[in-house]
């Protein structure tokens, strides 16, 4: 359960960074929505009683959320590898956050596909 709370905190910190960097409202909303879907599915993997049987909709939501997270992670890595011209999170923080969040995505996928 600690991991779920920590991953949720990481999603909130990411949203704050996006807000501070004046990213578009659509991007901020998409980041929060994808994090919410993945965290809900992750919680369903931890506690099977929380799983919702919505058929293929759950798998589709997972695939969209995971694709959004992967594209965002690729963008964050590209930004982190550029020469430092603007303030932002340190490079190691981007890598650490990505590694920390990976089990959430994998286990959410297992829950989405009923494994």
N, C-alpha and C. Protein backbone atom coordinates (compact mmCIF):
# COMPACT_ATOMS: atom_id res chain seq x y z
N UNK A 1 0.82 -1.19 0.00
CA UNK A 1 0.00 0.00 0.00
C UNK A 1 0.87 1.26 0.00
N UNK A 2 2.04 1.17 0.64
CA UNK A 2 2.96 2.31 0.65
C UNK A 2 3.36 2.69 -0.77
N UNK A 3 3.61 1.67 -1.59
CA UNK A 3 4.04 1.92 -2.96
C UNK A 3 2.96 2.67 -3.73
N UNK A 4 1.70 2.33 -3.48
CA UNK A 4 0.57 3.01 -4.14
C UNK A 4 0.53 4.47 -3.76
N UNK A 5 0.70 4.76 -2.48
CA UNK A 5 0.69 6.15 -2.01
C UNK A 5 1.89 6.91 -2.56
N UNK A 6 3.05 6.28 -2.57
CA UNK A 6 4.26 6.94 -3.10
C UNK A 6 4.12 7.22 -4.60
N UNK A 7 3.56 6.27 -5.34
CA UNK A 7 3.37 6.48 -6.78
C UNK A 7 2.34 7.58 -7.03
N UNK A 8 1.32 7.64 -6.20
CA UNK A 8 0.34 8.74 -6.31
C UNK A 8 0.99 10.07 -6.02
N UNK A 9 1.87 10.11 -5.03
CA UNK A 9 2.61 11.34 -4.73
C UNK A 9 3.50 11.74 -5.89
N UNK A 10 4.10 10.77 -6.53
CA UNK A 10 4.94 11.05 -7.69
C UNK A 10 4.11 11.65 -8.83
N UNK A 11 2.90 11.16 -9.01
CA UNK A 11 2.00 11.71 -10.04
C UNK A 11 1.63 13.15 -9.71
N UNK A 12 1.40 13.43 -8.44
CA UNK A 12 1.05 14.80 -8.04
C UNK A 12 2.24 15.73 -8.22
N UNK A 13 3.43 15.28 -7.86
CA UNK A 13 4.64 16.09 -8.07
C UNK A 13 4.83 16.37 -9.56
N UNK A 14 4.61 15.37 -10.40
CA UNK A 14 4.71 15.56 -11.84
C UNK A 14 3.72 16.59 -12.34
N UNK A 15 2.51 16.56 -11.81
CA UNK A 15 1.49 17.55 -12.19
C UNK A 15 1.91 18.95 -11.75
N UNK A 16 2.49 19.05 -10.58
CA UNK A 16 2.96 20.37 -10.11
C UNK A 16 4.07 20.91 -11.00
N UNK A 17 4.98 20.04 -11.43
CA UNK A 17 6.06 20.46 -12.32
C UNK A 17 5.48 20.91 -13.66
N UNK A 18 4.53 20.15 -14.18
CA UNK A 18 3.88 20.56 -15.44
C UNK A 18 3.20 21.91 -15.29
N UNK A 19 2.53 22.13 -14.17
CA UNK A 19 1.85 23.41 -13.93
C UNK A 19 2.85 24.54 -13.82
N UNK A 20 3.94 24.31 -13.10
CA UNK A 20 4.98 25.34 -12.94
C UNK A 20 5.65 25.68 -14.26
N UNK A 21 5.81 24.67 -15.12
CA UNK A 21 6.43 24.90 -16.42
C UNK A 21 5.43 25.43 -17.45
N UNK A 22 4.22 25.71 -16.99
CA UNK A 22 3.16 26.26 -17.82
C UNK A 22 2.84 25.39 -19.04
N UNK A 23 2.80 24.09 -18.81
CA UNK A 23 2.39 23.18 -19.88
C UNK A 23 0.90 23.36 -20.12
N UNK A 24 0.41 22.92 -21.24
CA UNK A 24 -0.99 23.12 -21.59
C UNK A 24 -1.90 22.36 -20.61
N UNK A 25 -3.13 22.91 -20.47
CA UNK A 25 -4.10 22.28 -19.60
C UNK A 25 -4.41 20.86 -20.07
N UNK A 26 -4.47 20.66 -21.39
CA UNK A 26 -4.76 19.34 -21.94
C UNK A 26 -3.69 18.34 -21.54
N UNK A 27 -2.44 18.74 -21.60
CA UNK A 27 -1.36 17.83 -21.21
C UNK A 27 -1.41 17.54 -19.71
N UNK A 28 -1.67 18.56 -18.91
CA UNK A 28 -1.79 18.37 -17.46
C UNK A 28 -2.92 17.40 -17.15
N UNK A 29 -4.07 17.59 -17.80
CA UNK A 29 -5.22 16.72 -17.58
C UNK A 29 -4.91 15.29 -18.02
N UNK A 30 -4.28 15.14 -19.19
CA UNK A 30 -3.95 13.80 -19.71
C UNK A 30 -2.97 13.08 -18.78
N UNK A 31 -1.99 13.80 -18.25
CA UNK A 31 -1.04 13.20 -17.31
C UNK A 31 -1.76 12.71 -16.05
N UNK A 32 -2.63 13.55 -15.51
CA UNK A 32 -3.35 13.16 -14.29
C UNK A 32 -4.32 12.01 -14.57
N UNK A 33 -5.00 12.04 -15.72
CA UNK A 33 -5.96 10.98 -16.05
C UNK A 33 -5.24 9.65 -16.25
N UNK A 34 -4.11 9.67 -16.96
CA UNK A 34 -3.39 8.41 -17.18
C UNK A 34 -2.84 7.87 -15.87
N UNK A 35 -2.35 8.76 -15.02
CA UNK A 35 -1.87 8.32 -13.71
C UNK A 35 -3.00 7.73 -12.88
N UNK A 36 -4.17 8.36 -12.92
CA UNK A 36 -5.31 7.86 -12.15
C UNK A 36 -5.73 6.47 -12.63
N UNK A 37 -5.77 6.27 -13.94
CA UNK A 37 -6.13 4.95 -14.49
C UNK A 37 -5.12 3.90 -14.05
N UNK A 38 -3.84 4.21 -14.21
CA UNK A 38 -2.80 3.24 -13.84
C UNK A 38 -2.80 2.96 -12.34
N UNK A 39 -2.97 3.98 -11.54
CA UNK A 39 -2.98 3.77 -10.09
C UNK A 39 -4.21 2.97 -9.65
N UNK A 40 -5.35 3.23 -10.28
CA UNK A 40 -6.55 2.46 -9.95
C UNK A 40 -6.37 0.99 -10.31
N UNK A 41 -5.81 0.74 -11.49
CA UNK A 41 -5.56 -0.66 -11.89
C UNK A 41 -4.50 -1.31 -11.00
N UNK A 42 -3.49 -0.54 -10.62
CA UNK A 42 -2.45 -1.05 -9.72
C UNK A 42 -3.08 -1.40 -8.37
N UNK A 43 -3.97 -0.55 -7.88
CA UNK A 43 -4.67 -0.85 -6.62
C UNK A 43 -5.51 -2.11 -6.76
N UNK A 44 -6.08 -2.32 -7.93
CA UNK A 44 -6.85 -3.54 -8.18
C UNK A 44 -5.97 -4.78 -8.20
N UNK A 45 -4.72 -4.61 -8.61
CA UNK A 45 -3.80 -5.76 -8.56
C UNK A 45 -3.41 -6.07 -7.12
N UNK A 46 -3.21 -5.00 -6.31
CA UNK A 46 -2.85 -5.20 -4.90
C UNK A 46 -4.02 -5.82 -4.14
N UNK A 47 -5.20 -5.25 -4.34
CA UNK A 47 -6.40 -5.70 -3.64
C UNK A 47 -7.44 -6.11 -4.68
N UNK A 48 -7.53 -7.40 -5.01
CA UNK A 48 -8.43 -7.84 -6.08
C UNK A 48 -9.89 -7.45 -5.88
N UNK A 49 -10.29 -7.14 -4.67
CA UNK A 49 -11.67 -6.71 -4.43
C UNK A 49 -11.98 -5.36 -5.06
N UNK A 50 -10.96 -4.60 -5.41
CA UNK A 50 -11.16 -3.29 -6.03
C UNK A 50 -11.29 -3.37 -7.55
N UNK A 51 -11.05 -4.53 -8.12
CA UNK A 51 -11.11 -4.67 -9.58
C UNK A 51 -12.53 -4.45 -10.08
N UNK A 52 -12.60 -3.81 -11.22
CA UNK A 52 -13.88 -3.56 -11.88
C UNK A 52 -13.93 -4.40 -13.15
N UNK A 53 -15.00 -5.14 -13.32
CA UNK A 53 -15.13 -5.96 -14.52
C UNK A 53 -15.90 -5.15 -15.56
N UNK A 54 -15.14 -4.40 -16.35
CA UNK A 54 -15.75 -3.58 -17.40
C UNK A 54 -15.39 -4.12 -18.78
N UNK A 55 -14.99 -5.36 -18.82
CA UNK A 55 -14.67 -6.00 -20.09
C UNK A 55 -13.49 -5.37 -20.79
N UNK A 56 -13.59 -5.22 -22.09
CA UNK A 56 -12.46 -4.70 -22.87
C UNK A 56 -12.18 -3.21 -22.61
N UNK A 57 -13.12 -2.50 -22.00
CA UNK A 57 -12.90 -1.08 -21.72
C UNK A 57 -11.69 -0.88 -20.81
N UNK A 58 -11.52 -1.76 -19.83
CA UNK A 58 -10.39 -1.66 -18.91
C UNK A 58 -9.08 -1.82 -19.66
N UNK A 59 -9.03 -2.80 -20.55
CA UNK A 59 -7.80 -3.04 -21.33
C UNK A 59 -7.51 -1.84 -22.24
N UNK A 60 -8.55 -1.27 -22.85
CA UNK A 60 -8.35 -0.11 -23.72
C UNK A 60 -7.85 1.09 -22.91
N UNK A 61 -8.46 1.33 -21.76
CA UNK A 61 -8.01 2.43 -20.90
C UNK A 61 -6.55 2.22 -20.49
N UNK A 62 -6.20 0.99 -20.15
CA UNK A 62 -4.81 0.72 -19.79
C UNK A 62 -3.88 1.01 -20.95
N UNK A 63 -4.21 0.53 -22.14
CA UNK A 63 -3.33 0.73 -23.30
C UNK A 63 -3.15 2.21 -23.62
N UNK A 64 -4.22 2.98 -23.53
CA UNK A 64 -4.12 4.42 -23.79
C UNK A 64 -3.27 5.10 -22.71
N UNK A 65 -3.53 4.76 -21.44
CA UNK A 65 -2.76 5.37 -20.34
C UNK A 65 -1.29 4.97 -20.41
N UNK A 66 -1.02 3.71 -20.69
CA UNK A 66 0.38 3.26 -20.78
C UNK A 66 1.09 3.92 -21.95
N UNK A 67 0.41 4.05 -23.08
CA UNK A 67 1.02 4.71 -24.24
C UNK A 67 1.33 6.17 -23.93
N UNK A 68 0.42 6.83 -23.22
CA UNK A 68 0.65 8.22 -22.84
C UNK A 68 1.85 8.32 -21.90
N UNK A 69 1.94 7.43 -20.93
CA UNK A 69 3.05 7.45 -19.98
C UNK A 69 4.38 7.18 -20.69
N UNK A 70 4.39 6.23 -21.61
CA UNK A 70 5.63 5.92 -22.33
C UNK A 70 6.06 7.12 -23.18
N UNK A 71 5.12 7.74 -23.88
CA UNK A 71 5.49 8.90 -24.70
C UNK A 71 5.97 10.05 -23.82
N UNK A 72 5.34 10.23 -22.67
CA UNK A 72 5.79 11.28 -21.75
C UNK A 72 7.16 10.99 -21.18
N UNK A 73 7.44 9.72 -20.92
CA UNK A 73 8.75 9.35 -20.40
C UNK A 73 9.83 9.57 -21.44
N UNK A 74 9.54 9.24 -22.68
CA UNK A 74 10.50 9.48 -23.75
C UNK A 74 10.78 10.98 -23.87
N UNK A 75 9.73 11.78 -23.79
CA UNK A 75 9.90 13.24 -23.86
C UNK A 75 10.73 13.75 -22.68
N UNK A 76 10.48 13.21 -21.49
CA UNK A 76 11.25 13.63 -20.31
C UNK A 76 12.72 13.26 -20.45
N UNK A 77 12.99 12.07 -20.99
CA UNK A 77 14.39 11.66 -21.20
C UNK A 77 15.07 12.58 -22.21
N UNK A 78 14.36 12.90 -23.29
CA UNK A 78 14.95 13.82 -24.28
C UNK A 78 15.27 15.17 -23.66
N UNK A 79 14.36 15.67 -22.84
CA UNK A 79 14.58 16.95 -22.18
C UNK A 79 15.75 16.86 -21.20
N UNK A 80 15.82 15.76 -20.47
CA UNK A 80 16.89 15.60 -19.48
C UNK A 80 18.25 15.47 -20.13
N UNK A 81 18.31 14.95 -21.35
CA UNK A 81 19.60 14.75 -22.02
C UNK A 81 20.10 15.99 -22.76
N UNK A 82 19.24 16.97 -22.92
CA UNK A 82 19.67 18.22 -23.56
C UNK A 82 20.59 18.99 -22.62
N UNK A 83 21.42 19.86 -23.19
CA UNK A 83 22.23 20.72 -22.32
C UNK A 83 21.32 21.58 -21.45
N UNK A 84 21.73 21.80 -20.22
CA UNK A 84 20.90 22.54 -19.25
C UNK A 84 20.83 24.01 -19.61
N UNK A 85 19.70 24.43 -20.16
CA UNK A 85 19.48 25.84 -20.46
C UNK A 85 18.38 26.43 -19.60
N UNK A 86 17.52 25.56 -19.06
CA UNK A 86 16.43 26.02 -18.20
C UNK A 86 16.43 25.19 -16.93
N UNK A 87 15.78 25.72 -15.92
CA UNK A 87 15.64 24.98 -14.67
C UNK A 87 14.68 23.82 -14.86
N UNK A 88 14.93 22.76 -14.21
CA UNK A 88 14.08 21.58 -14.28
C UNK A 88 14.60 20.55 -13.31
N UNK A 89 13.91 19.42 -13.23
CA UNK A 89 14.39 18.39 -12.32
C UNK A 89 15.75 17.85 -12.77
N UNK A 90 16.58 17.47 -11.84
CA UNK A 90 17.89 16.90 -12.21
C UNK A 90 17.71 15.64 -13.04
N UNK A 91 18.71 15.34 -13.83
CA UNK A 91 18.64 14.18 -14.73
C UNK A 91 18.40 12.89 -13.97
N UNK A 92 19.08 12.72 -12.84
CA UNK A 92 18.92 11.48 -12.09
C UNK A 92 17.49 11.33 -11.57
N UNK A 93 16.81 12.46 -11.31
CA UNK A 93 15.43 12.39 -10.82
C UNK A 93 14.49 11.83 -11.88
N UNK A 94 14.72 12.20 -13.13
CA UNK A 94 13.90 11.68 -14.23
C UNK A 94 14.07 10.18 -14.35
N UNK A 95 15.30 9.71 -14.29
CA UNK A 95 15.58 8.28 -14.40
C UNK A 95 15.01 7.54 -13.19
N UNK A 96 15.22 8.07 -12.00
CA UNK A 96 14.73 7.42 -10.79
C UNK A 96 13.20 7.34 -10.78
N UNK A 97 12.54 8.41 -11.18
CA UNK A 97 11.07 8.41 -11.22
C UNK A 97 10.55 7.39 -12.23
N UNK A 98 11.23 7.29 -13.37
CA UNK A 98 10.80 6.33 -14.39
C UNK A 98 10.96 4.90 -13.91
N UNK A 99 12.08 4.62 -13.27
CA UNK A 99 12.32 3.28 -12.74
C UNK A 99 11.33 2.95 -11.62
N UNK A 100 11.04 3.93 -10.78
CA UNK A 100 10.11 3.74 -9.67
C UNK A 100 8.70 3.46 -10.19
N UNK A 101 8.29 4.14 -11.26
CA UNK A 101 6.92 4.04 -11.77
C UNK A 101 6.70 2.82 -12.66
N UNK A 102 7.77 2.20 -13.13
CA UNK A 102 7.65 1.06 -14.04
C UNK A 102 6.83 -0.10 -13.46
N UNK A 103 7.03 -0.52 -12.21
CA UNK A 103 6.20 -1.60 -11.69
C UNK A 103 4.71 -1.26 -11.65
N UNK A 104 4.39 0.01 -11.46
CA UNK A 104 2.98 0.42 -11.47
C UNK A 104 2.37 0.11 -12.83
N UNK A 105 3.08 0.48 -13.89
CA UNK A 105 2.57 0.25 -15.24
C UNK A 105 2.45 -1.25 -15.54
N UNK A 106 3.47 -2.01 -15.18
CA UNK A 106 3.46 -3.45 -15.46
C UNK A 106 2.34 -4.14 -14.68
N UNK A 107 2.23 -3.88 -13.41
CA UNK A 107 1.21 -4.55 -12.60
C UNK A 107 -0.20 -4.06 -12.94
N UNK A 108 -0.32 -2.80 -13.34
CA UNK A 108 -1.62 -2.30 -13.81
C UNK A 108 -2.03 -3.06 -15.06
N UNK A 109 -1.07 -3.34 -15.93
CA UNK A 109 -1.37 -4.12 -17.13
C UNK A 109 -1.82 -5.52 -16.80
N UNK A 110 -1.17 -6.14 -15.83
CA UNK A 110 -1.59 -7.47 -15.40
C UNK A 110 -3.02 -7.44 -14.87
N UNK A 111 -3.34 -6.41 -14.10
CA UNK A 111 -4.70 -6.29 -13.56
C UNK A 111 -5.70 -6.02 -14.68
N UNK A 112 -5.32 -5.19 -15.65
CA UNK A 112 -6.24 -4.85 -16.74
C UNK A 112 -6.59 -6.06 -17.59
N UNK A 113 -5.63 -6.94 -17.77
CA UNK A 113 -5.87 -8.13 -18.59
C UNK A 113 -6.25 -9.35 -17.76
N UNK A 114 -6.47 -9.13 -16.47
CA UNK A 114 -6.95 -10.21 -15.60
C UNK A 114 -5.95 -11.29 -15.30
N UNK A 115 -4.67 -10.95 -15.31
CA UNK A 115 -3.64 -11.95 -15.02
C UNK A 115 -3.20 -11.89 -13.57
